[in-house]
Amino acid sequence: MTRAELQQRADEAERLYQRFAKQLEAEHQGKFVAIAPDGRLIIESDQIRALEQAISQFGSGNFALRKIGSRALGRWRRRFGH
């Protein structure tokens, strides 16, 4: 996957969070949310459980996963001199 493709995925994940999950911060702070492109949500205390349910219900690669109330990475950085 190219850097541009990774950035595109990160941007889409942020848009999904802002549109469908931002309002969950007051009630579900610190939990994990999987967000399908159509707005369906899975909210779990356990990250692995959220991931397993999202893959089962939305299909692998068809959702964004984030900790509610935590900032997402804004950019990917290369390490080790690259």
N, C-alpha and C. Protein backbone atom coordinates (compact mmCIF):
# COMPACT_ATOMS: atom_id res chain seq x y z
N MET A 1 0.85 -1.17 0.00
CA MET A 1 0.00 0.00 0.00
C MET A 1 0.90 1.24 0.00
N THR A 2 0.57 2.19 -0.83
CA THR A 2 1.39 3.39 -0.93
C THR A 2 1.08 4.35 0.21
N ARG A 3 1.95 5.30 0.39
CA ARG A 3 1.75 6.33 1.42
C ARG A 3 0.44 7.09 1.17
N ALA A 4 0.17 7.41 -0.08
CA ALA A 4 -1.06 8.13 -0.42
C ALA A 4 -2.30 7.30 -0.07
N GLU A 5 -2.24 6.00 -0.33
CA GLU A 5 -3.36 5.12 0.01
C GLU A 5 -3.56 5.02 1.52
N LEU A 6 -2.47 4.94 2.26
CA LEU A 6 -2.56 4.92 3.72
C LEU A 6 -3.17 6.21 4.25
N GLN A 7 -2.74 7.33 3.69
CA GLN A 7 -3.29 8.62 4.12
C GLN A 7 -4.77 8.72 3.79
N GLN A 8 -5.15 8.21 2.63
CA GLN A 8 -6.56 8.21 2.23
C GLN A 8 -7.40 7.40 3.21
N ARG A 9 -6.90 6.25 3.63
CA ARG A 9 -7.62 5.42 4.61
C ARG A 9 -7.72 6.13 5.96
N ALA A 10 -6.64 6.75 6.39
CA ALA A 10 -6.65 7.48 7.66
C ALA A 10 -7.64 8.63 7.61
N ASP A 11 -7.68 9.34 6.51
CA ASP A 11 -8.62 10.46 6.35
C ASP A 11 -10.06 9.97 6.38
N GLU A 12 -10.33 8.85 5.70
CA GLU A 12 -11.69 8.30 5.69
C GLU A 12 -12.09 7.83 7.09
N ALA A 13 -11.18 7.21 7.82
CA ALA A 13 -11.47 6.77 9.18
C ALA A 13 -11.81 7.97 10.06
N GLU A 14 -11.10 9.06 9.90
CA GLU A 14 -11.38 10.27 10.68
C GLU A 14 -12.75 10.85 10.32
N ARG A 15 -13.08 10.87 9.03
CA ARG A 15 -14.41 11.36 8.61
C ARG A 15 -15.53 10.51 9.21
N LEU A 16 -15.35 9.18 9.19
CA LEU A 16 -16.35 8.30 9.77
C LEU A 16 -16.51 8.56 11.26
N TYR A 17 -15.39 8.72 11.97
CA TYR A 17 -15.45 8.98 13.41
C TYR A 17 -16.19 10.29 13.68
N GLN A 18 -15.83 11.33 12.97
CA GLN A 18 -16.45 12.64 13.20
C GLN A 18 -17.95 12.60 12.89
N ARG A 19 -18.33 11.90 11.85
CA ARG A 19 -19.73 11.86 11.45
C ARG A 19 -20.60 10.98 12.34
N PHE A 20 -20.09 9.80 12.72
CA PHE A 20 -20.94 8.81 13.39
C PHE A 20 -20.60 8.53 14.85
N ALA A 21 -19.39 8.79 15.30
CA ALA A 21 -19.00 8.34 16.64
C ALA A 21 -18.59 9.45 17.60
N LYS A 22 -18.31 10.64 17.12
CA LYS A 22 -17.85 11.73 17.99
C LYS A 22 -18.83 11.97 19.14
N GLN A 23 -20.11 11.88 18.87
CA GLN A 23 -21.13 12.13 19.89
C GLN A 23 -21.14 11.08 21.00
N LEU A 24 -20.40 10.00 20.83
CA LEU A 24 -20.34 8.93 21.85
C LEU A 24 -19.35 9.25 22.97
N GLU A 25 -18.53 10.29 22.80
CA GLU A 25 -17.44 10.55 23.74
C GLU A 25 -17.90 10.75 25.17
N ALA A 26 -18.99 11.44 25.40
CA ALA A 26 -19.45 11.70 26.77
C ALA A 26 -19.85 10.41 27.49
N GLU A 27 -20.50 9.51 26.79
CA GLU A 27 -21.04 8.31 27.43
C GLU A 27 -20.11 7.09 27.35
N HIS A 28 -19.25 7.04 26.34
CA HIS A 28 -18.46 5.83 26.09
C HIS A 28 -16.95 6.09 26.05
N GLN A 29 -16.50 7.14 26.68
CA GLN A 29 -15.07 7.50 26.69
C GLN A 29 -14.20 6.29 27.04
N GLY A 30 -13.16 6.04 26.23
CA GLY A 30 -12.22 4.97 26.50
C GLY A 30 -12.60 3.61 25.95
N LYS A 31 -13.82 3.45 25.46
CA LYS A 31 -14.22 2.20 24.83
C LYS A 31 -13.78 2.22 23.36
N PHE A 32 -13.96 1.12 22.67
CA PHE A 32 -13.57 1.02 21.27
C PHE A 32 -14.81 1.01 20.39
N VAL A 33 -14.71 1.67 19.25
CA VAL A 33 -15.82 1.70 18.31
C VAL A 33 -15.32 1.28 16.94
N ALA A 34 -16.08 0.38 16.33
CA ALA A 34 -15.88 0.02 14.93
C ALA A 34 -17.00 0.71 14.15
N ILE A 35 -16.63 1.37 13.06
CA ILE A 35 -17.59 2.18 12.31
C ILE A 35 -17.63 1.71 10.86
N ALA A 36 -18.79 1.25 10.44
CA ALA A 36 -18.98 0.86 9.04
C ALA A 36 -19.22 2.12 8.21
N PRO A 37 -18.94 2.08 6.92
CA PRO A 37 -19.17 3.26 6.07
C PRO A 37 -20.60 3.77 6.07
N ASP A 38 -21.57 2.89 6.35
CA ASP A 38 -22.98 3.31 6.37
C ASP A 38 -23.42 3.81 7.75
N GLY A 39 -22.48 3.87 8.72
CA GLY A 39 -22.80 4.42 10.03
C GLY A 39 -23.13 3.41 11.11
N ARG A 40 -23.20 2.13 10.76
CA ARG A 40 -23.42 1.12 11.79
C ARG A 40 -22.22 1.11 12.73
N LEU A 41 -22.50 0.92 14.03
CA LEU A 41 -21.46 0.98 15.05
C LEU A 41 -21.43 -0.28 15.90
N ILE A 42 -20.25 -0.63 16.34
CA ILE A 42 -20.06 -1.65 17.36
C ILE A 42 -19.24 -0.98 18.45
N ILE A 43 -19.74 -0.99 19.67
CA ILE A 43 -19.05 -0.37 20.81
C ILE A 43 -18.72 -1.46 21.81
N GLU A 44 -17.46 -1.55 22.17
CA GLU A 44 -16.99 -2.59 23.11
C GLU A 44 -15.92 -2.02 24.03
N SER A 45 -15.83 -2.58 25.21
CA SER A 45 -14.75 -2.23 26.14
C SER A 45 -13.43 -2.88 25.74
N ASP A 46 -13.52 -4.00 25.04
CA ASP A 46 -12.35 -4.77 24.66
C ASP A 46 -12.07 -4.58 23.16
N GLN A 47 -10.86 -4.16 22.84
CA GLN A 47 -10.50 -3.88 21.45
C GLN A 47 -10.60 -5.13 20.57
N ILE A 48 -10.14 -6.26 21.05
CA ILE A 48 -10.19 -7.49 20.26
C ILE A 48 -11.63 -7.92 19.99
N ARG A 49 -12.48 -7.81 20.99
CA ARG A 49 -13.89 -8.15 20.80
C ARG A 49 -14.53 -7.23 19.75
N ALA A 50 -14.21 -5.94 19.80
CA ALA A 50 -14.74 -5.01 18.81
C ALA A 50 -14.25 -5.38 17.41
N LEU A 51 -12.98 -5.73 17.30
CA LEU A 51 -12.40 -6.11 16.02
C LEU A 51 -13.05 -7.39 15.48
N GLU A 52 -13.19 -8.39 16.32
CA GLU A 52 -13.80 -9.66 15.90
C GLU A 52 -15.24 -9.44 15.42
N GLN A 53 -16.01 -8.66 16.17
CA GLN A 53 -17.40 -8.41 15.79
C GLN A 53 -17.48 -7.60 14.49
N ALA A 54 -16.58 -6.63 14.34
CA ALA A 54 -16.59 -5.82 13.12
C ALA A 54 -16.26 -6.65 11.89
N ILE A 55 -15.29 -7.53 12.00
CA ILE A 55 -14.95 -8.40 10.87
C ILE A 55 -16.14 -9.30 10.53
N SER A 56 -16.78 -9.83 11.55
CA SER A 56 -17.92 -10.71 11.35
C SER A 56 -19.11 -9.98 10.73
N GLN A 57 -19.41 -8.79 11.22
CA GLN A 57 -20.61 -8.07 10.78
C GLN A 57 -20.39 -7.19 9.54
N PHE A 58 -19.20 -6.58 9.41
CA PHE A 58 -18.96 -5.63 8.34
C PHE A 58 -18.04 -6.17 7.24
N GLY A 59 -17.28 -7.21 7.55
CA GLY A 59 -16.30 -7.75 6.61
C GLY A 59 -14.93 -7.12 6.83
N SER A 60 -13.90 -7.89 6.62
CA SER A 60 -12.53 -7.44 6.82
C SER A 60 -12.22 -6.23 5.93
N GLY A 61 -11.70 -5.19 6.54
CA GLY A 61 -11.31 -3.99 5.80
C GLY A 61 -12.45 -3.04 5.49
N ASN A 62 -13.64 -3.31 5.97
CA ASN A 62 -14.81 -2.48 5.67
C ASN A 62 -15.27 -1.64 6.85
N PHE A 63 -14.34 -1.20 7.68
CA PHE A 63 -14.69 -0.42 8.86
C PHE A 63 -13.46 0.31 9.38
N ALA A 64 -13.73 1.30 10.21
CA ALA A 64 -12.66 1.99 10.94
C ALA A 64 -12.78 1.58 12.40
N LEU A 65 -11.66 1.42 13.07
CA LEU A 65 -11.64 1.04 14.49
C LEU A 65 -10.86 2.10 15.25
N ARG A 66 -11.46 2.57 16.33
CA ARG A 66 -10.83 3.64 17.09
C ARG A 66 -11.26 3.59 18.55
N LYS A 67 -10.40 4.09 19.42
CA LYS A 67 -10.74 4.25 20.82
C LYS A 67 -11.50 5.57 20.96
N ILE A 68 -12.65 5.51 21.57
CA ILE A 68 -13.51 6.69 21.68
C ILE A 68 -12.86 7.74 22.58
N GLY A 69 -12.77 8.94 22.05
CA GLY A 69 -12.20 10.05 22.80
C GLY A 69 -10.70 10.21 22.63
N SER A 70 -10.06 9.27 21.97
CA SER A 70 -8.62 9.35 21.74
C SER A 70 -8.34 9.97 20.38
N ARG A 71 -7.27 10.71 20.31
CA ARG A 71 -6.89 11.31 19.04
C ARG A 71 -6.35 10.23 18.12
N ALA A 72 -6.73 10.30 16.87
CA ALA A 72 -6.18 9.39 15.87
C ALA A 72 -4.86 9.96 15.37
N LEU A 73 -4.04 9.10 14.80
CA LEU A 73 -2.80 9.56 14.22
C LEU A 73 -3.10 10.45 13.02
N GLY A 74 -2.45 11.58 12.96
CA GLY A 74 -2.68 12.51 11.86
C GLY A 74 -1.85 12.19 10.64
N ARG A 75 -0.72 11.56 10.83
CA ARG A 75 0.12 11.20 9.70
C ARG A 75 0.97 10.00 10.07
N TRP A 76 1.37 9.28 9.08
CA TRP A 76 2.26 8.13 9.27
C TRP A 76 3.68 8.63 9.13
N ARG A 77 4.55 8.16 9.97
CA ARG A 77 5.94 8.59 9.90
C ARG A 77 6.83 7.38 9.65
N ARG A 78 7.81 7.59 8.83
CA ARG A 78 8.79 6.53 8.59
C ARG A 78 9.90 6.64 9.62
N ARG A 79 10.46 5.51 9.96
CA ARG A 79 11.54 5.47 10.94
C ARG A 79 12.79 4.85 10.32
N PHE A 80 13.84 4.87 11.06
CA PHE A 80 15.09 4.22 10.67
C PHE A 80 15.69 4.83 9.41
N GLY A 81 15.63 6.16 9.31
CA GLY A 81 16.30 6.86 8.22
C GLY A 81 15.60 6.85 6.89
N HIS A 82 14.37 6.41 6.84
CA HIS A 82 13.63 6.38 5.55
C HIS A 82 12.72 7.57 5.46
